[in-house]
PDB file of N, CA and C in Angstrom:
ATOM      1  N   MET A   1       4.922  46.211 -50.869  1.00  0.00           N
ATOM      2  CA  MET A   1       3.633  45.409 -51.070  1.00  0.00           C
ATOM      3  C   MET A   1       3.637  44.659 -52.427  1.00  0.00           C
ATOM      4  N   GLU A   2       3.161  43.324 -52.404  1.00  0.00           N
ATOM      5  CA  GLU A   2       3.568  42.694 -53.720  1.00  0.00           C
ATOM      6  C   GLU A   2       2.149  43.135 -54.834  1.00  0.00           C
ATOM      7  N   GLU A   3       2.580  42.981 -55.901  1.00  0.00           N
ATOM      8  CA  GLU A   3       1.611  43.652 -57.071  1.00  0.00           C
ATOM      9  C   GLU A   3       0.705  42.311 -57.294  1.00  0.00           C
ATOM     10  N   GLN A   4      -0.556  42.390 -57.084  1.00  0.00           N
ATOM     11  CA  GLN A   4      -1.856  41.400 -57.564  1.00  0.00           C
ATOM     12  C   GLN A   4      -1.349  41.068 -59.147  1.00  0.00           C
ATOM     13  N   PRO A   5      -1.642  39.932 -59.278  1.00  0.00           N
ATOM     14  CA  PRO A   5      -1.554  39.471 -60.763  1.00  0.00           C
ATOM     15  C   PRO A   5      -2.771  39.888 -61.376  1.00  0.00           C
ATOM     16  N   ASP A   6      -2.670  40.456 -62.874  1.00  0.00           N
ATOM     17  CA  ASP A   6      -3.852  40.596 -63.398  1.00  0.00           C
ATOM     18  C   ASP A   6      -4.538  39.493 -64.023  1.00  0.00           C
ATOM     19  N   LYS A   7      -5.414  39.637 -64.629  1.00  0.00           N
ATOM     20  CA  LYS A   7      -6.533  38.857 -65.100  1.00  0.00           C
ATOM     21  C   LYS A   7      -6.037  37.908 -66.081  1.00  0.00           C
ATOM     22  N   MET A   8      -4.986  38.594 -67.076  1.00  0.00           N
ATOM     23  CA  MET A   8      -4.190  37.510 -67.929  1.00  0.00           C
ATOM     24  C   MET A   8      -3.428  36.423 -67.167  1.00  0.00           C
ATOM     25  N   ASP A   9      -2.486  37.026 -66.375  1.00  0.00           N
ATOM     26  CA  ASP A   9      -1.632  36.350 -64.976  1.00  0.00           C
ATOM     27  C   ASP A   9      -2.478  35.062 -64.733  1.00  0.00           C
ATOM     28  N   ARG A  10      -3.717  35.612 -64.143  1.00  0.00           N
ATOM     29  CA  ARG A  10      -4.405  34.531 -63.499  1.00  0.00           C
ATOM     30  C   ARG A  10      -4.955  33.426 -64.310  1.00  0.00           C
ATOM     31  N   ILE A  11      -5.387  33.860 -65.567  1.00  0.00           N
ATOM     32  CA  ILE A  11      -5.743  32.974 -66.591  1.00  0.00           C
ATOM     33  C   ILE A  11      -4.747  32.079 -66.996  1.00  0.00           C
ATOM     34  N   LEU A  12      -3.712  32.566 -66.979  1.00  0.00           N
ATOM     35  CA  LEU A  12      -2.575  31.845 -67.676  1.00  0.00           C
ATOM     36  C   LEU A  12      -1.979  30.775 -66.505  1.00  0.00           C
ATOM     37  N   ASN A  13      -2.103  31.001 -65.166  1.00  0.00           N
ATOM     38  CA  ASN A  13      -1.840  30.417 -64.025  1.00  0.00           C
ATOM     39  C   ASN A  13      -2.622  28.890 -64.102  1.00  0.00           C
ATOM     40  N   ARG A  14      -4.096  29.169 -64.461  1.00  0.00           N
ATOM     41  CA  ARG A  14      -5.137  28.307 -64.477  1.00  0.00           C
ATOM     42  C   ARG A  14      -4.932  27.186 -65.643  1.00  0.00           C
ATOM     43  N   LEU A  15      -4.197  28.022 -66.724  1.00  0.00           N
ATOM     44  CA  LEU A  15      -4.041  27.175 -67.760  1.00  0.00           C
ATOM     45  C   LEU A  15      -2.797  26.232 -67.826  1.00  0.00           C
ATOM     46  N   SER A  16      -2.014  26.802 -67.033  1.00  0.00           N
ATOM     47  CA  SER A  16      -0.819  25.980 -66.554  1.00  0.00           C
ATOM     48  C   SER A  16      -1.228  24.858 -65.740  1.00  0.00           C
ATOM     49  N   GLU A  17      -2.112  25.122 -64.899  1.00  0.00           N
ATOM     50  CA  GLU A  17      -2.462  24.044 -63.878  1.00  0.00           C
ATOM     51  C   GLU A  17      -3.156  23.310 -64.791  1.00  0.00           C
ATOM     52  N   ARG A  18      -4.143  23.410 -65.587  1.00  0.00           N
ATOM     53  CA  ARG A  18      -4.808  22.415 -66.567  1.00  0.00           C
ATOM     54  C   ARG A  18      -3.893  21.498 -67.270  1.00  0.00           C
ATOM     55  N   LEU A  19      -2.846  21.939 -67.746  1.00  0.00           N
ATOM     56  CA  LEU A  19      -1.869  21.814 -68.505  1.00  0.00           C
ATOM     57  C   LEU A  19      -1.313  20.550 -67.733  1.00  0.00           C
ATOM     58  N   GLY A  20      -0.919  20.808 -66.389  1.00  0.00           N
ATOM     59  CA  GLY A  20      -0.292  19.610 -65.687  1.00  0.00           C
ATOM     60  C   GLY A  20      -1.376  18.663 -65.400  1.00  0.00           C
ATOM     61  N   GLU A  21      -2.676  18.913 -65.280  1.00  0.00           N
ATOM     62  CA  GLU A  21      -3.763  18.013 -64.987  1.00  0.00           C
ATOM     63  C   GLU A  21      -3.754  16.951 -66.197  1.00  0.00           C
ATOM     64  N   TRP A  22      -3.718  17.918 -67.337  1.00  0.00           N
ATOM     65  CA  TRP A  22      -4.033  16.853 -68.537  1.00  0.00           C
ATOM     66  C   TRP A  22      -2.700  15.939 -68.599  1.00  0.00           C
ATOM     67  N   GLU A  23      -1.583  16.438 -68.592  1.00  0.00           N
ATOM     68  CA  GLU A  23      -0.409  15.539 -68.645  1.00  0.00           C
ATOM     69  C   GLU A  23      -0.513  14.399 -67.650  1.00  0.00           C
ATOM     70  N   GLU A  24      -0.952  14.503 -66.579  1.00  0.00           N
ATOM     71  CA  GLU A  24      -1.134  13.635 -65.223  1.00  0.00           C
ATOM     72  C   GLU A  24      -2.253  12.542 -65.978  1.00  0.00           C
ATOM     73  N   TRP A  25      -3.473  13.057 -66.310  1.00  0.00           N
ATOM     74  CA  TRP A  25      -4.476  12.150 -66.726  1.00  0.00           C
ATOM     75  C   TRP A  25      -4.018  11.379 -68.146  1.00  0.00           C
ATOM     76  N   SER A  26      -3.274  11.944 -68.703  1.00  0.00           N
ATOM     77  CA  SER A  26      -3.036  11.399 -70.275  1.00  0.00           C
ATOM     78  C   SER A  26      -2.030  10.251 -69.788  1.00  0.00           C
ATOM     79  N   GLN A  27      -1.002  10.393 -68.969  1.00  0.00           N
ATOM     80  CA  GLN A  27      -0.180   9.346 -68.585  1.00  0.00           C
ATOM     81  C   GLN A  27      -1.209   8.154 -67.845  1.00  0.00           C
ATOM     82  N   ILE A  28      -2.027   8.552 -67.158  1.00  0.00           N
ATOM     83  CA  ILE A  28      -2.928   7.445 -66.551  1.00  0.00           C
ATOM     84  C   ILE A  28      -3.530   7.096 -67.482  1.00  0.00           C
ATOM     85  N   ALA A  29      -4.361   7.628 -68.393  1.00  0.00           N
ATOM     86  CA  ALA A  29      -4.947   7.063 -69.196  1.00  0.00           C
ATOM     87  C   ALA A  29      -4.206   5.787 -70.358  1.00  0.00           C
ATOM     88  N   ILE A  30      -2.951   6.380 -70.700  1.00  0.00           N
ATOM     89  CA  ILE A  30      -2.160   5.238 -71.516  1.00  0.00           C
ATOM     90  C   ILE A  30      -1.605   4.129 -70.427  1.00  0.00           C
ATOM     91  N   GLU A  31      -1.466   4.261 -69.247  1.00  0.00           N
ATOM     92  CA  GLU A  31      -1.478   3.209 -68.460  1.00  0.00           C
ATOM     93  C   GLU A  31      -2.601   2.304 -68.154  1.00  0.00           C
ATOM     94  N   ASN A  32      -3.674   2.986 -68.304  1.00  0.00           N
ATOM     95  CA  ASN A  32      -4.836   2.116 -68.014  1.00  0.00           C
ATOM     96  C   ASN A  32      -5.126   1.353 -69.349  1.00  0.00           C
ATOM     97  N   GLU A  33      -5.010   1.977 -70.578  1.00  0.00           N
ATOM     98  CA  GLU A  33      -5.383   1.424 -71.947  1.00  0.00           C
ATOM     99  C   GLU A  33      -4.169   0.227 -72.064  1.00  0.00           C
ATOM    100  N   THR A  34      -3.132   0.480 -71.719  1.00  0.00           N
ATOM    101  CA  THR A  34      -2.045  -0.790 -71.962  1.00  0.00           C
ATOM    102  C   THR A  34      -2.488  -1.763 -70.655  1.00  0.00           C
ATOM    103  N   ALA A  35      -2.703  -1.539 -69.622  1.00  0.00           N
ATOM    104  CA  ALA A  35      -3.335  -2.759 -68.858  1.00  0.00           C
ATOM    105  C   ALA A  35      -4.331  -3.436 -69.257  1.00  0.00           C
ATOM    106  N   PHE A  36      -5.524  -2.780 -69.817  1.00  0.00           N
ATOM    107  CA  PHE A  36      -6.731  -3.221 -70.418  1.00  0.00           C
ATOM    108  C   PHE A  36      -6.648  -4.091 -71.698  1.00  0.00           C
ATOM    109  N   LYS A  37      -5.479  -3.536 -72.789  1.00  0.00           N
ATOM    110  CA  LYS A  37      -5.297  -4.133 -73.749  1.00  0.00           C
ATOM    111  C   LYS A  37      -4.336  -5.649 -73.421  1.00  0.00           C
ATOM    112  N   SER A  38      -3.553  -5.383 -72.263  1.00  0.00           N
ATOM    113  CA  SER A  38      -2.578  -6.516 -71.906  1.00  0.00           C
ATOM    114  C   SER A  38      -3.591  -7.713 -71.179  1.00  0.00           C
ATOM    115  N   TYR A  39      -4.386  -7.181 -70.570  1.00  0.00           N
ATOM    116  CA  TYR A  39      -5.357  -8.319 -69.760  1.00  0.00           C
ATOM    117  C   TYR A  39      -6.378  -8.830 -70.915  1.00  0.00           C
ATOM    118  N   THR A  40      -6.941  -8.295 -71.783  1.00  0.00           N
ATOM    119  CA  THR A  40      -7.877  -8.729 -73.102  1.00  0.00           C
ATOM    120  C   THR A  40      -6.939  -9.571 -73.598  1.00  0.00           C
ATOM    121  N   ALA A  41      -5.909  -9.367 -74.476  1.00  0.00           N
ATOM    122  CA  ALA A  41      -5.140 -10.251 -75.013  1.00  0.00           C
ATOM    123  C   ALA A  41      -4.648 -11.690 -74.257  1.00  0.00           C
ATOM    124  N   LEU A  42      -4.129 -11.204 -72.938  1.00  0.00           N
ATOM    125  CA  LEU A  42      -3.687 -12.560 -72.458  1.00  0.00           C
ATOM    126  C   LEU A  42      -4.952 -13.594 -71.868  1.00  0.00           C
ATOM    127  N   SER A  43      -5.904 -13.045 -71.375  1.00  0.00           N
ATOM    128  CA  SER A  43      -7.188 -13.601 -71.396  1.00  0.00           C
ATOM    129  C   SER A  43      -8.010 -14.246 -72.589  1.00  0.00           C
ATOM    130  N   THR A  44      -8.002 -13.593 -73.717  1.00  0.00           N
ATOM    131  CA  THR A  44      -8.610 -14.138 -74.799  1.00  0.00           C
ATOM    132  C   THR A  44      -7.584 -15.335 -75.423  1.00  0.00           C
ATOM    133  N   LYS A  45      -6.198 -15.361 -75.189  1.00  0.00           N
ATOM    134  CA  LYS A  45      -5.292 -16.147 -75.574  1.00  0.00           C
ATOM    135  C   LYS A  45      -5.553 -17.592 -74.542  1.00  0.00           C
ATOM    136  N   THR A  46      -5.615 -17.227 -73.063  1.00  0.00           N
ATOM    137  CA  THR A  46      -5.916 -18.604 -72.553  1.00  0.00           C
ATOM    138  C   THR A  46      -7.151 -19.037 -72.853  1.00  0.00           C
ATOM    139  N   HIS A  47      -8.199 -18.447 -73.198  1.00  0.00           N
ATOM    140  CA  HIS A  47      -9.557 -19.076 -73.664  1.00  0.00           C
ATOM    141  C   HIS A  47      -9.167 -19.963 -74.834  1.00  0.00           C
ATOM    142  N   MET A  48      -8.523 -19.398 -75.790  1.00  0.00           N
ATOM    143  CA  MET A  48      -8.376 -20.026 -77.174  1.00  0.00           C
ATOM    144  C   MET A  48      -7.384 -21.362 -76.955  1.00  0.00           C
ATOM    145  N   ASP A  49      -6.553 -21.160 -75.815  1.00  0.00           N
ATOM    146  CA  ASP A  49      -5.458 -22.284 -75.855  1.00  0.00           C
ATOM    147  C   ASP A  49      -6.370 -23.480 -75.270  1.00  0.00           C
ATOM    148  N   SER A  50      -7.497 -23.184 -74.424  1.00  0.00           N
ATOM    149  CA  SER A  50      -8.234 -24.048 -73.927  1.00  0.00           C
ATOM    150  C   SER A  50      -9.413 -24.616 -74.722  1.00  0.00           C
ATOM    151  N   GLY A  51      -9.303 -24.251 -75.917  1.00  0.00           N
ATOM    152  CA  GLY A  51      -9.970 -24.601 -77.053  1.00  0.00           C
ATOM    153  C   GLY A  51     -11.226 -23.891 -77.721  1.00  0.00           C
ATOM    154  N   CYS A  52     -11.193 -22.579 -77.224  1.00  0.00           N
ATOM    155  CA  CYS A  52     -12.500 -21.609 -77.612  1.00  0.00           C
ATOM    156  C   CYS A  52     -12.050 -21.019 -78.946  1.00  0.00           C
ATOM    157  N   SER A  53     -12.801 -20.868 -79.718  1.00  0.00           N
ATOM    158  CA  SER A  53     -12.721 -20.106 -80.912  1.00  0.00           C
ATOM    159  C   SER A  53     -12.410 -18.601 -80.371  1.00  0.00           C
ATOM    160  N   HIS A  54     -12.009 -17.584 -81.415  1.00  0.00           N
ATOM    161  CA  HIS A  54     -11.678 -16.401 -80.947  1.00  0.00           C
ATOM    162  C   HIS A  54     -12.910 -15.563 -80.625  1.00  0.00           C
ATOM    163  N   ALA A  55     -14.051 -15.892 -81.315  1.00  0.00           N
ATOM    164  CA  ALA A  55     -15.096 -15.004 -80.957  1.00  0.00           C
ATOM    165  C   ALA A  55     -15.748 -15.480 -79.742  1.00  0.00           C
ATOM    166  N   LYS A  56     -15.922 -16.884 -79.324  1.00  0.00           N
ATOM    167  CA  LYS A  56     -16.134 -17.187 -77.993  1.00  0.00           C
ATOM    168  C   LYS A  56     -15.409 -16.774 -76.914  1.00  0.00           C
ATOM    169  N   ALA A  57     -14.032 -16.735 -77.176  1.00  0.00           N
ATOM    170  CA  ALA A  57     -13.091 -16.384 -76.350  1.00  0.00           C
ATOM    171  C   ALA A  57     -13.237 -14.967 -75.833  1.00  0.00           C
ATOM    172  N   GLN A  58     -13.465 -13.850 -76.694  1.00  0.00           N
ATOM    173  CA  GLN A  58     -13.748 -12.508 -76.827  1.00  0.00           C
ATOM    174  C   GLN A  58     -15.035 -12.312 -75.592  1.00  0.00           C
ATOM    175  N   VAL A  59     -16.025 -13.078 -75.900  1.00  0.00           N
ATOM    176  CA  VAL A  59     -17.178 -12.932 -75.329  1.00  0.00           C
ATOM    177  C   VAL A  59     -16.980 -13.462 -73.978  1.00  0.00           C
ATOM    178  N   GLU A  60     -16.390 -14.487 -73.840  1.00  0.00           N
ATOM    179  CA  GLU A  60     -16.036 -15.088 -72.142  1.00  0.00           C
ATOM    180  C   GLU A  60     -15.127 -13.834 -71.386  1.00  0.00           C
ATOM    181  N   VAL A  61     -14.198 -13.369 -72.219  1.00  0.00           N
ATOM    182  CA  VAL A  61     -13.533 -12.309 -71.563  1.00  0.00           C
ATOM    183  C   VAL A  61     -14.193 -11.212 -71.096  1.00  0.00           C
ATOM    184  N   GLN A  62     -15.062 -10.578 -71.960  1.00  0.00           N
ATOM    185  CA  GLN A  62     -15.693  -9.432 -71.891  1.00  0.00           C
ATOM    186  C   GLN A  62     -16.856  -9.449 -70.855  1.00  0.00           C
ATOM    187  N   ALA A  63     -17.229 -11.074 -70.682  1.00  0.00           N
ATOM    188  CA  ALA A  63     -18.048 -11.154 -69.530  1.00  0.00           C
ATOM    189  C   ALA A  63     -17.804 -11.032 -68.226  1.00  0.00           C
ATOM    190  N   THR A  64     -16.542 -10.888 -67.815  1.00  0.00           N
ATOM    191  CA  THR A  64     -15.771 -10.943 -66.676  1.00  0.00           C
ATOM    192  C   THR A  64     -15.860  -9.536 -65.964  1.00  0.00           C
ATOM    193  N   PRO A  65     -16.193  -9.743 -64.545  1.00  0.00           N
ATOM    194  CA  PRO A  65     -15.786  -8.128 -63.742  1.00  0.00           C
ATOM    195  C   PRO A  65     -14.456  -7.633 -64.189  1.00  0.00           C
ATOM    196  N   GLU A  66     -13.401  -8.345 -64.269  1.00  0.00           N
ATOM    197  CA  GLU A  66     -12.244  -7.853 -64.283  1.00  0.00           C
ATOM    198  C   GLU A  66     -12.283  -6.919 -65.517  1.00  0.00           C
ATOM    199  N   TRP A  67     -12.626  -7.599 -66.640  1.00  0.00           N
ATOM    200  CA  TRP A  67     -12.703  -6.845 -68.040  1.00  0.00           C
ATOM    201  C   TRP A  67     -13.430  -5.477 -67.667  1.00  0.00           C
ATOM    202  N   ALA A  68     -14.574  -5.568 -67.263  1.00  0.00           N
ATOM    203  CA  ALA A  68     -15.426  -4.245 -67.041  1.00  0.00           C
ATOM    204  C   ALA A  68     -14.735  -3.390 -66.173  1.00  0.00           C
ATOM    205  N   ALA A  69     -13.899  -3.896 -65.303  1.00  0.00           N
ATOM    206  CA  ALA A  69     -13.162  -2.728 -64.172  1.00  0.00           C
ATOM    207  C   ALA A  69     -12.261  -2.121 -65.264  1.00  0.00           C
ATOM    208  N   HIS A  70     -11.306  -3.052 -65.908  1.00  0.00           N
ATOM    209  CA  HIS A  70     -10.327  -2.420 -66.823  1.00  0.00           C
ATOM    210  C   HIS A  70     -11.052  -1.320 -67.792  1.00  0.00           C
ATOM    211  N   PHE A  71     -12.096  -1.684 -68.659  1.00  0.00           N
ATOM    212  CA  PHE A  71     -12.849  -0.934 -69.366  1.00  0.00           C
ATOM    213  C   PHE A  71     -13.193   0.199 -68.804  1.00  0.00           C
ATOM    214  N   LYS A  72     -13.523   0.558 -67.531  1.00  0.00           N
ATOM    215  CA  LYS A  72     -14.393   1.260 -67.017  1.00  0.00           C
ATOM    216  C   LYS A  72     -13.082   2.270 -66.647  1.00  0.00           C
ATOM    217  N   ALA A  73     -12.062   1.831 -66.324  1.00  0.00           N
ATOM    218  CA  ALA A  73     -10.715   2.624 -65.882  1.00  0.00           C
ATOM    219  C   ALA A  73     -10.421   3.500 -66.963  1.00  0.00           C
ATOM    220  N   VAL A  74     -10.385   2.818 -68.113  1.00  0.00           N
ATOM    221  CA  VAL A  74      -9.886   3.275 -69.585  1.00  0.00           C
ATOM    222  C   VAL A  74     -10.845   4.451 -69.801  1.00  0.00           C
ATOM    223  N   ALA A  75     -12.099   4.319 -69.906  1.00  0.00           N
ATOM    224  CA  ALA A  75     -12.930   5.324 -70.048  1.00  0.00           C
ATOM    225  C   ALA A  75     -12.884   6.429 -69.246  1.00  0.00           C
ATOM    226  N   GLU A  76     -12.871   6.226 -67.809  1.00  0.00           N
ATOM    227  CA  GLU A  76     -12.804   7.417 -66.991  1.00  0.00           C
ATOM    228  C   GLU A  76     -11.647   8.170 -67.150  1.00  0.00           C
ATOM    229  N   SER A  77     -10.552   7.421 -67.471  1.00  0.00           N
ATOM    230  CA  SER A  77      -9.221   8.312 -67.742  1.00  0.00           C
ATOM    231  C   SER A  77      -9.188   9.226 -68.831  1.00  0.00           C
ATOM    232  N   ASN A  78      -9.817   8.362 -69.769  1.00  0.00           N
ATOM    233  CA  ASN A  78     -10.187   9.176 -71.440  1.00  0.00           C
ATOM    234  C   ASN A  78     -10.785  10.440 -71.159  1.00  0.00           C
ATOM    235  N   LEU A  79     -12.028  10.162 -70.248  1.00  0.00           N
ATOM    236  CA  LEU A  79     -12.869  11.371 -69.709  1.00  0.00           C
ATOM    237  C   LEU A  79     -12.266  12.367 -69.476  1.00  0.00           C
ATOM    238  N   ARG A  80     -11.419  12.011 -68.320  1.00  0.00           N
ATOM    239  CA  ARG A  80     -10.588  13.366 -67.754  1.00  0.00           C
ATOM    240  C   ARG A  80      -9.629  13.883 -68.653  1.00  0.00           C
ATOM    241  N   VAL A  81      -8.993  13.185 -69.275  1.00  0.00           N
ATOM    242  CA  VAL A  81      -8.038  13.783 -70.550  1.00  0.00           C
ATOM    243  C   VAL A  81      -8.889  14.848 -71.407  1.00  0.00           C
ATOM    244  N   GLU A  82     -10.155  14.377 -71.849  1.00  0.00           N
ATOM    245  CA  GLU A  82     -10.970  15.257 -72.510  1.00  0.00           C
ATOM    246  C   GLU A  82     -11.507  16.461 -71.698  1.00  0.00           C
ATOM    247  N   MET A  83     -11.905  16.341 -70.590  1.00  0.00           N
ATOM    248  CA  MET A  83     -12.398  17.271 -69.860  1.00  0.00           C
ATOM    249  C   MET A  83     -11.318  18.505 -69.529  1.00  0.00           C
ATOM    250  N   ALA A  84      -9.949  18.163 -69.288  1.00  0.00           N
ATOM    251  CA  ALA A  84      -8.849  18.840 -69.074  1.00  0.00           C
ATOM    252  C   ALA A  84      -8.760  19.645 -70.327  1.00  0.00           C
ATOM    253  N   LYS A  85      -8.528  18.865 -71.606  1.00  0.00           N
ATOM    254  CA  LYS A  85      -8.309  19.495 -72.850  1.00  0.00           C
ATOM    255  C   LYS A  85      -9.478  20.709 -73.204  1.00  0.00           C
ATOM    256  N   LYS A  86     -10.583  20.199 -72.580  1.00  0.00           N
ATOM    257  CA  LYS A  86     -11.946  21.351 -72.954  1.00  0.00           C
ATOM    258  C   LYS A  86     -11.689  22.466 -72.147  1.00  0.00           C
ATOM    259  N   GLN A  87     -11.047  22.288 -70.916  1.00  0.00           N
ATOM    260  CA  GLN A  87     -10.801  23.359 -69.929  1.00  0.00           C
ATOM    261  C   GLN A  87      -9.715  24.369 -70.496  1.00  0.00           C
ATOM    262  N   MET A  88      -8.748  23.643 -70.983  1.00  0.00           N
ATOM    263  CA  MET A  88      -7.728  24.539 -71.587  1.00  0.00           C
ATOM    264  C   MET A  88      -8.120  25.133 -72.863  1.00  0.00           C
ATOM    265  N   THR A  89      -8.952  24.584 -73.551  1.00  0.00           N
ATOM    266  CA  THR A  89      -9.686  25.346 -74.575  1.00  0.00           C
ATOM    267  C   THR A  89     -10.240  26.757 -74.380  1.00  0.00           C
ATOM    268  N   ALA A  90     -11.076  26.576 -73.376  1.00  0.00           N
ATOM    269  CA  ALA A  90     -11.948  27.467 -72.673  1.00  0.00           C
ATOM    270  C   ALA A  90     -10.864  28.655 -72.171  1.00  0.00           C
ATOM    271  N   LEU A  91      -9.799  28.246 -71.268  1.00  0.00           N
ATOM    272  CA  LEU A  91      -9.006  29.187 -70.841  1.00  0.00           C
ATOM    273  C   LEU A  91      -8.306  29.985 -72.170  1.00  0.00           C
ATOM    274  N   ASP A  92      -7.830  28.872 -72.970  1.00  0.00           N
ATOM    275  CA  ASP A  92      -7.367  29.892 -73.925  1.00  0.00           C
ATOM    276  C   ASP A  92      -7.906  30.932 -74.749  1.00  0.00           C
ATOM    277  N   LEU A  93      -9.528  30.661 -74.937  1.00  0.00           N
ATOM    278  CA  LEU A  93     -10.377  31.679 -75.131  1.00  0.00           C
ATOM    279  C   LEU A  93     -10.397  32.791 -74.448  1.00  0.00           C
ATOM    280  N   GLN A  94     -10.536  32.727 -73.231  1.00  0.00           N
ATOM    281  CA  GLN A  94     -10.591  33.402 -72.179  1.00  0.00           C
ATOM    282  C   GLN A  94      -9.279  34.483 -72.191  1.00  0.00           C
ATOM    283  N   PHE A  95      -8.250  33.953 -72.449  1.00  0.00           N
ATOM    284  CA  PHE A  95      -6.927  34.459 -72.431  1.00  0.00           C
ATOM    285  C   PHE A  95      -7.055  35.680 -73.787  1.00  0.00           C
ATOM    286  N   ARG A  96      -7.279  34.998 -74.839  1.00  0.00           N
ATOM    287  CA  ARG A  96      -7.411  35.670 -75.994  1.00  0.00           C
ATOM    288  C   ARG A  96      -8.380  36.932 -76.126  1.00  0.00           C
ATOM    289  N   ALA A  97      -9.234  36.511 -75.137  1.00  0.00           N
ATOM    290  CA  ALA A  97     -10.678  37.791 -75.207  1.00  0.00           C
ATOM    291  C   ALA A  97     -10.159  38.879 -74.252  1.00  0.00           C
ATOM    292  N   GLU A  98      -9.229  38.449 -73.081  1.00  0.00           N
ATOM    293  CA  GLU A  98      -8.725  39.629 -72.321  1.00  0.00           C
ATOM    294  C   GLU A  98      -7.827  39.980 -73.121  1.00  0.00           C
ATOM    295  N   GLN A  99      -7.018  39.666 -73.882  1.00  0.00           N
ATOM    296  CA  GLN A  99      -5.770  40.329 -74.536  1.00  0.00           C
ATOM    297  C   GLN A  99      -6.399  41.264 -75.533  1.00  0.00           C
ATOM    298  N   THR A 100      -7.594  40.864 -76.322  1.00  0.00           N
ATOM    299  CA  THR A 100      -8.127  41.941 -77.243  1.00  0.00           C
ATOM    300  C   THR A 100      -8.673  42.877 -76.362  1.00  0.00           C
ATOM    301  N   LYS A 101      -9.275  42.715 -75.273  1.00  0.00           N
ATOM    302  CA  LYS A 101      -9.792  43.659 -74.551  1.00  0.00           C
ATOM    303  C   LYS A 101      -8.914  44.723 -73.820  1.00  0.00           C
ATOM    304  N   GLN A 102      -7.677  44.168 -73.852  1.00  0.00           N
ATOM    305  CA  GLN A 102      -6.780  45.305 -73.247  1.00  0.00           C
ATOM    306  C   GLN A 102      -6.035  46.081 -74.155  1.00  0.00           C
ATOM    307  N   ALA A 103      -5.896  45.413 -75.424  1.00  0.00           N
ATOM    308  CA  ALA A 103      -5.381  45.933 -76.401  1.00  0.00           C
ATOM    309  C   ALA A 103      -6.406  47.063 -77.073  1.00  0.00           C
ATOM    310  N   ASN A 104      -7.707  46.818 -77.020  1.00  0.00           N
ATOM    311  CA  ASN A 104      -8.594  47.727 -77.437  1.00  0.00           C
ATOM    312  C   ASN A 104      -8.564  49.095 -76.315  1.00  0.00           C
ATOM    313  N   LEU A 105      -8.412  48.662 -75.013  1.00  0.00           N
ATOM    314  CA  LEU A 105      -8.435  49.684 -74.037  1.00  0.00           C
ATOM    315  C   LEU A 105      -7.116  50.522 -74.244  1.00  0.00           C
ATOM    316  N   ARG A 106      -6.202  49.912 -74.634  1.00  0.00           N
ATOM    317  CA  ARG A 106      -4.673  50.736 -74.885  1.00  0.00           C
ATOM    318  C   ARG A 106      -5.090  51.716 -76.231  1.00  0.00           C
ATOM    319  N   ARG A 107      -5.886  51.332 -77.038  1.00  0.00           N
ATOM    320  CA  ARG A 107      -6.180  52.168 -78.175  1.00  0.00           C
ATOM    321  C   ARG A 107      -7.027  53.353 -77.949  1.00  0.00           C
ATOM    322  N   VAL A 108      -7.926  53.300 -77.028  1.00  0.00           N
ATOM    323  CA  VAL A 108      -8.904  54.290 -76.607  1.00  0.00           C
ATOM    324  C   VAL A 108      -8.057  55.197 -75.826  1.00  0.00           C
ATOM    325  N   VAL A 109      -7.181  55.022 -75.043  1.00  0.00           N
ATOM    326  CA  VAL A 109      -6.483  56.033 -74.222  1.00  0.00           C
ATOM    327  C   VAL A 109      -5.577  56.716 -75.062  1.00  0.00           C
TER     328      VAL A 109
END
């Protein structure tokens, strides 16, 4: 019969899963931000090359649905990264609390 993982093992497994998610979402966030900055720079330059001032070019670019979609993708992926970090912090606190609880139980015995 296989031994069931204890609470600390389960917490560590969940922490490992969140770490994987954080890495995945961090990579997506980097890709989204790179695409967003590239799109913004190229579009702004195109408007400026056609005679617009920098300020007007920025406004023109930011008024497009494409810019909004890129901006939203960056914001959503950054939110996912932050959520994963918060979950990892919570799991770390759970692990530390369980570690302390088990140490205290060993002292009592």
